[in-house]
N, C-alpha and C. Protein backbone atom coordinates (compact mmCIF):
# COMPACT_ATOMS: atom_id res chain seq x y z
N UNK A 1 -42.55 -204.52 78.72
CA UNK A 1 -42.47 -203.70 79.88
C UNK A 1 -41.11 -202.81 80.80
N UNK A 2 -42.03 -201.71 81.36
CA UNK A 2 -40.60 -200.97 82.10
C UNK A 2 -41.00 -200.97 83.41
N UNK A 3 -39.78 -200.93 84.11
CA UNK A 3 -39.52 -200.19 85.60
C UNK A 3 -39.22 -198.90 85.89
N UNK A 4 -39.99 -198.31 86.59
CA UNK A 4 -39.60 -196.95 86.57
C UNK A 4 -39.03 -196.46 88.31
N UNK A 5 -37.67 -195.94 88.39
CA UNK A 5 -37.52 -195.45 89.66
C UNK A 5 -38.21 -194.51 90.21
N UNK A 6 -39.62 -194.51 91.17
CA UNK A 6 -40.28 -193.16 91.29
C UNK A 6 -39.67 -192.51 92.65
N UNK A 7 -38.26 -193.16 93.62
CA UNK A 7 -38.11 -193.00 94.34
C UNK A 7 -37.13 -191.30 94.29
N UNK A 8 -37.87 -190.36 94.47
CA UNK A 8 -36.87 -189.33 93.46
C UNK A 8 -35.75 -188.61 94.91
N UNK A 9 -36.04 -189.44 96.44
CA UNK A 9 -34.53 -188.99 97.19
C UNK A 9 -33.29 -190.04 97.76
N UNK A 10 -34.13 -191.67 97.59
CA UNK A 10 -33.06 -192.76 97.89
C UNK A 10 -33.45 -194.02 96.15
N UNK A 11 -33.55 -193.38 95.27
CA UNK A 11 -32.91 -193.99 94.27
C UNK A 11 -32.02 -195.21 94.37
N UNK A 12 -33.01 -196.45 93.64
CA UNK A 12 -31.71 -197.55 93.97
C UNK A 12 -32.07 -198.55 92.48
N UNK A 13 -32.72 -198.62 91.92
CA UNK A 13 -33.32 -199.78 91.23
C UNK A 13 -32.04 -199.43 89.48
N UNK A 14 -31.79 -198.03 89.59
CA UNK A 14 -30.49 -198.43 88.40
C UNK A 14 -29.22 -199.33 88.88
N UNK A 15 -29.03 -199.40 90.71
CA UNK A 15 -27.96 -199.73 90.82
C UNK A 15 -27.94 -201.40 90.58
N UNK A 16 -28.95 -201.87 90.61
CA UNK A 16 -29.52 -203.39 91.05
C UNK A 16 -29.27 -203.94 88.54
N UNK A 17 -29.25 -202.61 87.83
CA UNK A 17 -29.40 -203.71 87.07
C UNK A 17 -28.21 -202.81 86.07
N UNK A 18 -26.56 -202.65 87.16
CA UNK A 18 -25.46 -201.89 86.96
C UNK A 18 -25.78 -200.65 85.59
N UNK A 19 -27.00 -199.75 85.89
CA UNK A 19 -26.56 -198.57 85.23
C UNK A 19 -26.28 -196.71 86.01
N UNK A 20 -26.12 -196.23 85.04
CA UNK A 20 -25.76 -195.07 85.74
C UNK A 20 -26.90 -194.21 86.21
N UNK A 21 -27.71 -192.83 86.74
CA UNK A 21 -28.53 -192.34 86.93
C UNK A 21 -27.76 -191.06 87.01
N UNK A 22 -27.53 -191.13 85.29
CA UNK A 22 -27.24 -189.29 85.24
C UNK A 22 -28.33 -188.68 84.58
N UNK A 23 -29.15 -189.77 84.42
CA UNK A 23 -31.00 -189.17 83.82
C UNK A 23 -32.08 -190.05 83.71
N UNK A 24 -33.34 -189.30 83.69
CA UNK A 24 -34.56 -190.30 83.93
C UNK A 24 -35.18 -189.77 84.05
N UNK A 25 -36.22 -189.83 85.04
CA UNK A 25 -37.36 -189.48 84.79
C UNK A 25 -37.87 -188.07 85.40
N UNK A 26 -37.40 -187.75 86.39
CA UNK A 26 -37.04 -186.37 86.74
C UNK A 26 -36.59 -185.27 85.22
N UNK A 27 -35.91 -185.76 84.58
CA UNK A 27 -35.84 -185.19 83.33
C UNK A 27 -37.25 -185.08 82.59
N UNK A 28 -37.67 -186.44 82.24
CA UNK A 28 -38.87 -186.29 81.76
C UNK A 28 -39.89 -185.58 82.41
N UNK A 29 -40.11 -185.03 83.48
CA UNK A 29 -41.43 -184.19 84.16
C UNK A 29 -40.43 -182.62 83.96
N UNK A 30 -39.81 -182.18 83.83
CA UNK A 30 -38.97 -181.05 83.97
C UNK A 30 -38.25 -180.84 81.69
N UNK A 31 -39.28 -182.28 81.87
CA UNK A 31 -39.28 -181.36 79.93
C UNK A 31 -37.75 -181.50 79.29
N UNK A 32 -37.09 -181.86 80.08
CA UNK A 32 -35.42 -181.44 79.54
C UNK A 32 -35.35 -182.62 78.59
N UNK A 33 -35.57 -183.18 78.51
CA UNK A 33 -35.84 -184.59 77.57
C UNK A 33 -37.01 -185.78 77.02
N UNK A 34 -36.73 -186.33 76.31
CA UNK A 34 -38.75 -187.10 76.20
C UNK A 34 -38.31 -188.14 76.38
N UNK A 35 -39.01 -189.01 76.91
CA UNK A 35 -39.29 -189.83 78.04
C UNK A 35 -38.72 -191.39 76.87
N UNK A 36 -39.20 -191.38 75.54
CA UNK A 36 -38.54 -192.30 74.27
C UNK A 36 -36.90 -191.98 74.33
N UNK A 37 -35.88 -191.15 74.85
CA UNK A 37 -35.11 -191.41 75.03
C UNK A 37 -34.26 -191.69 76.03
N UNK A 38 -35.02 -191.80 78.13
CA UNK A 38 -34.18 -192.13 78.99
C UNK A 38 -34.43 -193.18 78.96
N UNK A 39 -35.53 -193.75 78.62
CA UNK A 39 -35.89 -195.54 79.02
C UNK A 39 -34.29 -196.11 77.98
N UNK A 40 -34.51 -197.30 79.62
CA UNK A 40 -33.15 -198.02 78.84
C UNK A 40 -33.09 -199.66 78.89
N UNK A 41 -33.17 -200.77 77.54
CA UNK A 41 -33.20 -202.13 77.69
C UNK A 41 -32.48 -202.24 78.86
N UNK A 42 -32.48 -203.57 78.71
CA UNK A 42 -31.98 -204.19 80.19
C UNK A 42 -31.32 -205.71 79.68
N UNK A 43 -31.27 -206.79 80.04
CA UNK A 43 -30.54 -207.57 79.83
C UNK A 43 -31.43 -209.05 79.92
N UNK A 44 -32.84 -208.93 80.34
CA UNK A 44 -33.78 -209.22 81.07
C UNK A 44 -35.08 -208.89 79.35
N UNK A 45 -34.48 -209.53 79.23
CA UNK A 45 -36.00 -209.62 77.23
C UNK A 45 -36.86 -208.85 77.55
N UNK A 46 -37.60 -208.11 76.73
CA UNK A 46 -38.91 -207.77 77.02
C UNK A 46 -38.62 -206.74 78.20
N UNK A 47 -37.92 -206.56 79.32
CA UNK A 47 -38.10 -205.50 80.32
C UNK A 47 -36.82 -204.15 79.86
N UNK A 48 -37.09 -202.93 80.03
CA UNK A 48 -36.84 -201.39 80.12
C UNK A 48 -36.52 -201.05 81.48
N UNK A 49 -35.71 -199.74 81.74
CA UNK A 49 -35.75 -199.21 83.09
C UNK A 49 -35.40 -198.21 82.67
N UNK A 50 -36.31 -197.40 83.48
CA UNK A 50 -36.39 -195.13 82.83
C UNK A 50 -36.25 -195.31 84.95
N UNK A 51 -34.64 -194.97 84.89
CA UNK A 51 -34.08 -194.30 86.20
C UNK A 51 -34.69 -193.30 86.64
N UNK A 52 -34.07 -193.24 88.25
CA UNK A 52 -34.74 -191.52 88.39
C UNK A 52 -34.32 -190.31 87.73
N UNK A 53 -32.96 -190.57 87.96
CA UNK A 53 -32.21 -189.10 87.46
C UNK A 53 -32.02 -188.28 87.87
N UNK A 54 -31.28 -187.20 87.77
CA UNK A 54 -31.23 -186.34 89.13
C UNK A 54 -32.11 -185.82 90.05
N UNK A 55 -31.70 -185.91 91.29
CA UNK A 55 -32.80 -186.25 92.87
C UNK A 55 -32.97 -184.47 92.83
N UNK A 56 -34.76 -184.43 92.34
CA UNK A 56 -35.07 -182.94 92.30
C UNK A 56 -35.07 -182.56 93.89
N UNK A 57 -34.76 -180.86 94.20
CA UNK A 57 -34.83 -180.76 95.74
C UNK A 57 -36.16 -180.85 96.28
N UNK A 58 -36.97 -180.99 95.09
CA UNK A 58 -38.66 -181.08 96.01
C UNK A 58 -39.20 -182.20 94.86
N UNK A 59 -38.97 -183.81 95.18
CA UNK A 59 -39.58 -184.76 95.16
C UNK A 59 -41.01 -184.58 95.10
N UNK A 60 -41.63 -184.28 96.23
CA UNK A 60 -43.37 -184.26 96.22
C UNK A 60 -43.91 -182.73 95.99
N UNK A 61 -43.17 -182.32 95.47
CA UNK A 61 -44.27 -181.00 94.52
C UNK A 61 -44.04 -181.44 92.70
N UNK A 62 -43.06 -181.90 93.17
CA UNK A 62 -42.55 -182.72 90.59
C UNK A 62 -43.84 -183.98 90.62
N UNK A 63 -44.46 -184.79 91.99
CA UNK A 63 -45.30 -185.94 91.69
C UNK A 63 -46.73 -184.89 91.90
N UNK A 64 -46.88 -183.84 91.90
CA UNK A 64 -48.15 -183.24 92.64
C UNK A 64 -48.40 -182.62 90.82
N UNK A 65 -47.28 -182.48 90.00
CA UNK A 65 -47.53 -181.09 88.85
C UNK A 65 -48.51 -182.62 87.43
N UNK A 66 -48.73 -181.70 86.58
CA UNK A 66 -49.50 -182.49 85.60
C UNK A 66 -48.86 -182.91 84.75
N UNK A 67 -47.35 -182.25 84.34
CA UNK A 67 -46.17 -182.60 83.76
C UNK A 67 -45.65 -184.39 83.70
N UNK A 68 -46.05 -184.63 85.16
CA UNK A 68 -45.43 -185.93 85.76
C UNK A 68 -46.63 -186.63 85.80
N UNK A 69 -47.63 -186.50 85.33
CA UNK A 69 -49.01 -187.63 85.27
C UNK A 69 -49.08 -187.46 83.78
N UNK A 70 -48.58 -186.59 82.52
CA UNK A 70 -48.51 -186.39 80.74
C UNK A 70 -46.88 -187.67 80.97
N UNK A 71 -46.00 -187.92 81.77
CA UNK A 71 -45.40 -188.66 82.15
C UNK A 71 -45.40 -190.21 82.11
N UNK A 72 -46.64 -189.47 82.75
CA UNK A 72 -47.87 -191.88 83.10
C UNK A 72 -48.18 -192.16 81.94
N UNK A 73 -49.46 -190.55 82.15
CA UNK A 73 -49.68 -191.68 80.64
C UNK A 73 -48.74 -192.36 79.31
N UNK A 74 -47.79 -191.14 79.15
CA UNK A 74 -46.87 -191.68 78.08
C UNK A 74 -46.26 -193.53 78.29
N UNK A 75 -45.45 -193.84 79.40
CA UNK A 75 -44.98 -194.83 79.25
C UNK A 75 -46.83 -195.56 79.30
N UNK A 76 -47.38 -195.42 79.52
CA UNK A 76 -49.01 -196.00 79.48
C UNK A 76 -48.60 -196.77 77.73
N UNK A 77 -48.81 -195.71 77.04
CA UNK A 77 -48.59 -196.04 75.77
C UNK A 77 -47.81 -196.56 75.41
N UNK A 78 -45.64 -196.47 75.82
CA UNK A 78 -44.96 -196.95 75.56
C UNK A 78 -45.48 -197.83 75.98
N UNK A 79 -45.64 -198.94 76.69
CA UNK A 79 -45.94 -200.04 77.77
C UNK A 79 -46.95 -201.23 78.11
N UNK A 80 -46.91 -201.84 77.90
CA UNK A 80 -48.07 -202.85 78.07
C UNK A 80 -48.08 -203.47 79.97
N UNK A 81 -47.13 -202.67 80.45
CA UNK A 81 -46.65 -203.63 81.88
C UNK A 81 -46.01 -202.21 82.77
N UNK A 82 -46.39 -201.09 82.67
CA UNK A 82 -45.50 -200.04 83.98
C UNK A 82 -45.87 -200.37 85.31
N UNK A 83 -44.42 -200.70 85.96
CA UNK A 83 -43.98 -200.98 87.23
C UNK A 83 -43.18 -199.45 87.84
N UNK A 84 -44.25 -199.41 88.97
CA UNK A 84 -43.24 -198.04 89.99
C UNK A 84 -42.37 -198.33 91.05
N UNK A 85 -41.74 -197.99 90.77
CA UNK A 85 -41.49 -198.35 93.11
C UNK A 85 -41.06 -196.56 93.67
N UNK A 86 -41.59 -197.23 94.09
CA UNK A 86 -41.39 -195.57 95.06
C UNK A 86 -40.82 -195.49 96.49
N UNK A 87 -40.89 -194.88 97.03
CA UNK A 87 -40.30 -195.36 98.82
C UNK A 87 -41.02 -195.05 98.99
N UNK A 88 -40.84 -195.40 100.53
CA UNK A 88 -41.81 -196.23 101.26
C UNK A 88 -43.28 -195.19 101.91
N UNK A 89 -43.72 -195.53 102.35
CA UNK A 89 -45.66 -195.72 102.29
C UNK A 89 -45.76 -194.24 103.32
N UNK A 90 -45.25 -194.77 104.50
CA UNK A 90 -45.11 -193.96 105.64
C UNK A 90 -43.95 -193.17 105.59
N UNK A 91 -43.01 -192.74 105.39
CA UNK A 91 -42.38 -192.14 105.25
C UNK A 91 -42.35 -190.81 104.80
N UNK A 92 -42.83 -191.07 103.32
CA UNK A 92 -43.30 -189.75 103.03
C UNK A 92 -44.35 -190.07 101.84
N UNK A 93 -45.14 -188.64 101.60
CA UNK A 93 -45.69 -188.95 100.52
C UNK A 93 -46.28 -189.81 99.10
N UNK A 94 -45.00 -189.29 99.05
CA UNK A 94 -44.80 -189.67 97.48
C UNK A 94 -45.60 -191.04 96.77
N UNK A 95 -45.48 -191.97 96.83
CA UNK A 95 -46.24 -193.16 97.18
C UNK A 95 -47.77 -192.79 96.89
N UNK A 96 -48.13 -192.36 97.55
CA UNK A 96 -49.83 -192.09 97.99
C UNK A 96 -50.20 -191.40 97.16
N UNK A 97 -49.36 -189.72 96.58
CA UNK A 97 -50.27 -189.11 95.82
C UNK A 97 -49.58 -190.11 93.82
N UNK A 98 -48.32 -191.09 94.28
CA UNK A 98 -48.55 -191.97 92.74
C UNK A 98 -49.95 -193.09 92.60
N UNK A 99 -50.00 -193.48 93.37
CA UNK A 99 -50.99 -194.52 93.22
C UNK A 99 -52.57 -193.78 93.04
N UNK A 100 -52.85 -193.19 92.39
CA UNK A 100 -53.85 -192.24 92.93
C UNK A 100 -53.63 -192.00 90.88
N UNK A 101 -52.59 -192.07 90.11
CA UNK A 101 -52.09 -192.37 88.60
C UNK A 101 -52.07 -193.41 88.29
N UNK A 102 -52.17 -194.89 88.30
CA UNK A 102 -51.52 -196.13 88.69
C UNK A 102 -53.22 -196.01 88.89
N UNK A 103 -53.19 -197.68 87.52
CA UNK A 103 -54.09 -198.78 87.74
C UNK A 103 -53.95 -199.15 89.07
N UNK A 104 -53.26 -199.82 90.34
CA UNK A 104 -53.36 -200.19 90.61
C UNK A 104 -51.79 -200.34 92.07
N UNK A 105 -51.88 -200.75 93.08
CA UNK A 105 -51.45 -201.51 94.31
C UNK A 105 -50.24 -201.75 95.14
N UNK A 106 -49.21 -202.26 94.95
CA UNK A 106 -48.90 -203.23 95.53
C UNK A 106 -48.21 -203.02 96.59
N UNK A 107 -48.47 -203.75 97.74
CA UNK A 107 -47.03 -203.10 99.22
C UNK A 107 -46.33 -204.24 99.58
N UNK A 108 -45.12 -203.89 99.66
CA UNK A 108 -44.07 -204.34 100.14
C UNK A 108 -43.80 -204.73 101.16
N UNK A 109 -43.77 -206.06 101.92
CA UNK A 109 -43.29 -205.57 103.26
C UNK A 109 -42.34 -207.10 103.68
N UNK A 110 -40.99 -206.22 104.38
CA UNK A 110 -40.01 -206.51 105.02
C UNK A 110 -40.23 -208.32 106.04
N UNK A 111 -39.87 -208.97 105.72
CA UNK A 111 -40.51 -210.34 107.51
C UNK A 111 -39.55 -209.92 107.91
N UNK A 112 -39.79 -210.32 109.14
CA UNK A 112 -39.67 -210.27 110.34
C UNK A 112 -39.37 -208.58 110.77
N UNK A 113 -39.74 -207.07 109.77
CA UNK A 113 -39.20 -206.15 110.02
C UNK A 113 -40.37 -204.63 110.09
N UNK A 114 -41.11 -205.37 109.00
CA UNK A 114 -42.43 -204.68 108.95
C UNK A 114 -43.32 -204.99 110.20
N UNK A 115 -43.63 -204.44 110.90
CA UNK A 115 -44.85 -205.02 111.81
C UNK A 115 -45.95 -204.84 111.58
N UNK A 116 -47.41 -204.67 112.07
CA UNK A 116 -48.22 -205.28 111.87
C UNK A 116 -48.92 -203.74 111.92
N UNK A 117 -48.76 -203.35 112.88
CA UNK A 117 -49.37 -201.30 113.27
C UNK A 117 -49.19 -200.24 111.84
N UNK A 118 -47.42 -200.97 111.78
CA UNK A 118 -46.71 -200.25 110.33
C UNK A 118 -47.41 -199.98 108.97
N UNK A 119 -47.55 -201.63 109.08
CA UNK A 119 -48.49 -201.90 108.08
C UNK A 119 -49.75 -201.92 107.39
N UNK A 120 -50.73 -201.46 108.81
CA UNK A 120 -51.85 -200.61 108.72
C UNK A 120 -52.17 -199.60 108.52
N UNK A 121 -51.07 -199.28 109.25
CA UNK A 121 -51.31 -197.98 109.19
C UNK A 121 -50.83 -197.69 106.98
N UNK A 122 -50.35 -197.99 106.42
CA UNK A 122 -49.91 -197.50 105.49
C UNK A 122 -50.37 -197.99 104.46
N UNK A 123 -51.88 -199.09 104.13
CA UNK A 123 -52.83 -199.72 103.50
C UNK A 123 -53.86 -198.41 103.93
N UNK A 124 -54.16 -198.14 105.34
CA UNK A 124 -54.64 -197.34 105.52
C UNK A 124 -54.91 -195.38 104.86
N UNK A 125 -53.35 -195.19 104.59
CA UNK A 125 -53.36 -193.65 103.74
C UNK A 125 -53.58 -194.79 102.16
N UNK A 126 -53.34 -195.38 101.98
CA UNK A 126 -53.77 -195.88 100.42
C UNK A 126 -55.08 -195.82 100.11
N UNK A 127 -54.74 -196.61 101.13
CA UNK A 127 -57.55 -196.73 100.99
C UNK A 127 -57.98 -194.64 101.61
N UNK A 128 -57.50 -194.15 101.84
CA UNK A 128 -57.65 -192.87 101.68
C UNK A 128 -57.68 -191.92 100.83
N UNK A 129 -57.31 -192.33 100.14
CA UNK A 129 -56.68 -191.56 98.89
C UNK A 129 -57.64 -192.60 98.36
N UNK A 130 -57.94 -193.33 98.06
CA UNK A 130 -59.08 -194.05 96.92
C UNK A 130 -58.23 -195.80 95.93
N UNK A 131 -56.64 -195.17 96.86
CA UNK A 131 -55.60 -196.41 96.06
C UNK A 131 -56.02 -197.97 95.91
N UNK A 132 -56.41 -198.39 94.71
CA UNK A 132 -56.55 -199.93 94.44
C UNK A 132 -55.92 -200.51 95.13
N UNK A 133 -55.77 -201.33 95.56
CA UNK A 133 -54.59 -202.07 96.43
C UNK A 133 -54.79 -203.70 95.90
N UNK A 134 -53.82 -203.70 95.25
CA UNK A 134 -53.64 -205.70 94.55
C UNK A 134 -53.77 -206.47 95.05
N UNK A 135 -53.05 -206.05 96.30
CA UNK A 135 -52.73 -207.37 97.08
C UNK A 135 -50.59 -206.32 98.16
N UNK A 136 -50.22 -207.78 98.98
CA UNK A 136 -48.98 -207.60 98.77
C UNK A 136 -47.84 -208.71 98.56
N UNK A 137 -46.17 -207.47 99.17
CA UNK A 137 -45.27 -209.22 98.25
C UNK A 137 -44.42 -208.89 99.99
N UNK A 138 -44.15 -209.78 100.47
CA UNK A 138 -43.34 -209.84 101.59
C UNK A 138 -41.78 -210.51 100.90
N UNK A 139 -41.12 -209.64 101.70
CA UNK A 139 -39.78 -209.92 100.66
C UNK A 139 -39.08 -209.87 101.99
N UNK A 140 -37.28 -210.82 101.56
CA UNK A 140 -36.46 -210.52 102.38
C UNK A 140 -36.79 -212.20 103.06
N UNK A 141 -37.42 -212.95 102.92
CA UNK A 141 -37.67 -213.73 104.06
C UNK A 141 -36.88 -215.23 103.69
N UNK A 142 -36.47 -215.28 104.67
CA UNK A 142 -35.10 -216.48 105.82
C UNK A 142 -35.59 -217.44 106.22
N UNK A 143 -35.84 -218.78 105.19
CA UNK A 143 -36.42 -219.91 105.36
C UNK A 143 -35.83 -220.61 106.63
N UNK A 144 -34.16 -220.74 106.66
CA UNK A 144 -33.55 -221.26 107.57
C UNK A 144 -33.30 -220.03 108.89
N UNK A 145 -34.35 -218.76 109.24
CA UNK A 145 -33.66 -218.79 110.26
C UNK A 145 -35.09 -219.28 111.48
N UNK A 146 -34.41 -219.52 112.23
CA UNK A 146 -35.14 -220.29 113.38
C UNK A 146 -36.37 -219.84 113.75
N UNK A 147 -36.59 -218.18 113.73
CA UNK A 147 -38.03 -217.72 114.11
C UNK A 147 -38.85 -218.35 113.62
N UNK A 148 -38.42 -218.31 112.32
CA UNK A 148 -39.83 -218.65 111.53
C UNK A 148 -40.00 -220.10 112.25
N UNK A 149 -39.67 -220.95 112.03
CA UNK A 149 -40.03 -222.30 112.54
C UNK A 149 -40.09 -222.29 113.82
N UNK A 150 -40.17 -221.34 114.87
CA UNK A 150 -41.34 -221.73 115.35
C UNK A 150 -42.85 -220.91 115.28
N UNK A 151 -41.84 -220.16 114.97
CA UNK A 151 -43.47 -219.40 114.46
C UNK A 151 -44.77 -220.25 114.18
N UNK A 152 -43.86 -220.80 113.51
CA UNK A 152 -44.69 -222.27 112.84
C UNK A 152 -45.71 -222.91 113.41
N UNK A 153 -45.27 -223.89 114.30
CA UNK A 153 -45.20 -224.63 114.96
C UNK A 153 -45.95 -224.41 116.10
N UNK A 154 -45.01 -222.96 116.36
CA UNK A 154 -46.96 -222.16 117.32
C UNK A 154 -48.41 -221.76 116.82
N UNK A 155 -47.84 -221.18 115.19
CA UNK A 155 -49.76 -221.30 114.87
C UNK A 155 -50.05 -222.93 114.16
N UNK A 156 -49.13 -223.77 113.83
CA UNK A 156 -49.62 -224.96 113.44
C UNK A 156 -50.62 -225.68 114.94
N UNK A 157 -50.24 -224.80 115.87
CA UNK A 157 -50.67 -225.57 117.53
C UNK A 157 -52.24 -225.01 117.64
N UNK A 158 -52.05 -224.00 117.04
CA UNK A 158 -52.81 -223.27 117.43
C UNK A 158 -54.28 -223.93 116.45
N UNK A 159 -53.66 -223.66 115.05
CA UNK A 159 -54.58 -223.75 113.93
C UNK A 159 -54.93 -224.93 112.95
N UNK A 160 -53.42 -225.61 113.00
CA UNK A 160 -53.35 -226.76 112.20
C UNK A 160 -54.38 -227.05 111.84
N UNK A 161 -55.62 -228.13 113.27
CA UNK A 161 -56.50 -228.72 113.04
C UNK A 161 -56.99 -228.47 112.25
N UNK A 162 -58.10 -227.03 111.67
CA UNK A 162 -59.08 -227.09 111.14
C UNK A 162 -59.10 -227.62 109.64
N UNK A 163 -57.80 -227.41 109.33
CA UNK A 163 -57.09 -228.19 108.22
C UNK A 163 -57.06 -229.81 108.35
N UNK A 164 -57.36 -230.63 109.80
CA UNK A 164 -57.13 -231.43 109.48
C UNK A 164 -57.90 -232.73 109.63
N UNK A 165 -58.50 -234.30 109.73
CA UNK A 165 -59.83 -234.78 109.37
C UNK A 165 -60.79 -234.76 109.98
N UNK A 166 -61.88 -235.29 110.13
CA UNK A 166 -63.05 -234.98 111.63
C UNK A 166 -62.40 -235.84 112.40
N UNK A 167 -61.71 -237.15 112.42
CA UNK A 167 -61.33 -237.70 113.29
C UNK A 167 -60.54 -237.35 114.15
N UNK A 168 -59.76 -235.98 113.32
CA UNK A 168 -58.40 -236.39 114.18
C UNK A 168 -59.68 -234.80 114.91
N UNK A 169 -60.41 -234.30 114.60
CA UNK A 169 -60.86 -233.35 115.51
C UNK A 169 -61.21 -233.75 116.59
N UNK A 170 -62.24 -234.75 116.15
CA UNK A 170 -62.66 -235.62 117.67
C UNK A 170 -62.17 -235.99 117.88
N UNK A 171 -60.48 -235.75 118.26
CA UNK A 171 -60.02 -236.53 118.96
C UNK A 171 -59.66 -235.61 120.09
N UNK A 172 -59.44 -234.28 119.71
CA UNK A 172 -58.96 -232.98 120.37
C UNK A 172 -59.39 -233.45 121.73
N UNK A 173 -58.92 -232.45 122.52
CA UNK A 173 -59.67 -232.43 124.42
C UNK A 173 -60.89 -231.18 124.16
N UNK A 174 -61.70 -230.97 124.29
CA UNK A 174 -62.72 -230.03 124.38
C UNK A 174 -61.75 -228.70 124.95
N UNK A 175 -60.57 -228.26 125.85
CA UNK A 175 -60.29 -226.87 126.17
C UNK A 175 -59.27 -226.96 125.47
N UNK A 176 -58.51 -227.47 124.62
CA UNK A 176 -57.62 -227.10 123.86
C UNK A 176 -58.27 -226.71 122.29
N UNK A 177 -60.17 -227.48 121.72
CA UNK A 177 -60.65 -226.72 121.13
C UNK A 177 -61.22 -225.45 121.24
N UNK A 178 -61.50 -225.07 122.45
CA UNK A 178 -62.34 -223.75 123.09
C UNK A 178 -60.50 -222.54 122.57
N UNK A 179 -59.83 -222.81 123.12
CA UNK A 179 -58.74 -222.28 123.30
C UNK A 179 -58.18 -221.60 121.55
N UNK A 180 -58.07 -223.07 121.10
CA UNK A 180 -57.89 -222.65 119.35
C UNK A 180 -58.54 -221.17 119.48
N UNK A 181 -60.44 -221.26 118.91
CA UNK A 181 -61.31 -221.00 118.58
C UNK A 181 -60.68 -219.37 118.90
N UNK A 182 -60.61 -219.39 120.31
CA UNK A 182 -60.39 -218.37 120.93
C UNK A 182 -59.28 -217.04 120.28
N UNK A 183 -58.19 -217.79 120.17
CA UNK A 183 -56.75 -217.50 120.14
C UNK A 183 -57.05 -217.19 118.26
N UNK A 184 -57.82 -217.20 117.14
CA UNK A 184 -57.34 -216.79 116.40
C UNK A 184 -58.19 -214.45 115.73
N UNK A 185 -58.68 -214.24 117.39
CA UNK A 185 -58.17 -213.44 117.11
C UNK A 185 -56.95 -212.25 117.71
N UNK A 186 -56.31 -212.97 118.78
CA UNK A 186 -54.79 -213.57 118.72
C UNK A 186 -53.77 -212.57 118.06
N UNK A 187 -52.71 -211.35 118.66
CA UNK A 187 -51.90 -211.00 117.49
C UNK A 187 -50.94 -212.01 117.19
N UNK A 188 -50.44 -213.17 117.84
CA UNK A 188 -49.33 -213.54 116.94
C UNK A 188 -47.74 -212.89 116.62
N UNK A 189 -47.41 -212.93 115.44
CA UNK A 189 -45.89 -212.49 115.34
C UNK A 189 -46.05 -210.91 114.94
N UNK A 190 -47.30 -210.88 114.38
CA UNK A 190 -47.00 -209.11 113.36
C UNK A 190 -46.64 -207.91 114.55
N UNK A 191 -47.14 -207.98 115.97
CA UNK A 191 -47.82 -207.42 117.11
C UNK A 191 -46.24 -207.49 117.82
N UNK A 192 -45.11 -208.29 117.64
CA UNK A 192 -43.71 -208.19 117.95
C UNK A 192 -42.92 -207.20 118.61
N UNK A 193 -42.28 -206.78 119.19
CA UNK A 193 -41.66 -205.29 118.69
C UNK A 193 -40.21 -205.50 117.64
N UNK A 194 -40.68 -204.86 116.84
CA UNK A 194 -39.02 -205.17 116.05
C UNK A 194 -39.46 -203.45 115.47
N UNK A 195 -37.49 -203.55 114.73
CA UNK A 195 -37.02 -203.16 114.75
C UNK A 195 -38.27 -202.43 113.74
N UNK A 196 -38.61 -201.11 113.40
CA UNK A 196 -39.49 -199.99 112.66
C UNK A 196 -39.24 -200.53 110.99
N UNK A 197 -39.43 -201.02 110.09
CA UNK A 197 -39.27 -200.89 108.92
C UNK A 197 -40.77 -200.31 107.96
N UNK A 198 -41.08 -199.16 107.54
CA UNK A 198 -42.36 -199.25 106.61
C UNK A 198 -42.06 -200.08 105.21
N UNK A 199 -43.53 -200.40 105.05
CA UNK A 199 -43.80 -201.19 103.36
C UNK A 199 -44.14 -199.65 102.66
N UNK A 200 -43.17 -200.65 101.67
CA UNK A 200 -43.69 -200.18 100.32
C UNK A 200 -44.36 -200.41 100.03
N UNK A 201 -44.96 -199.51 98.53
CA UNK A 201 -45.63 -199.69 97.97
C UNK A 201 -44.99 -200.08 95.79
């Protein structure tokens, strides 16, 4: 398996693995080095990394090239799994273009920061180009945060009885049951005003 840093604007994968970013994906796309010469092993068995390399002046144009697609194909021949780390979807067009070259895309959403509107917009952008969306990952989740406890209690009160016994349902007042039914279309946490942080792919 190999992780490819395709964020050619703010590359960070190399820092996570304590590597230099002197050479990488951009060199392979420009044809100055072979892919096999640029991938680097990590301390994780069976995991390699292809850093971004020098940041090009025109990242979006580089991803649109036939040479970039050739590099993707080469990596697919060399590894059984190829994971591309891309910039945020709604910030730039790079990940939308990249999604057309890969088998599937996974959205990465930051807990309590990315709001529902931004996430929906990102999903729409991907679907508009025919991307195969496999699912989403919720990161930066802090279960000690008191806000989680509040919303867990809120949603449990509104929807939790659906998973209870029939006897429990029978004990529910009619007014509360009606309120819960109507609440299934409510806004919840996702529509709270939050700091705008676009999801990644």
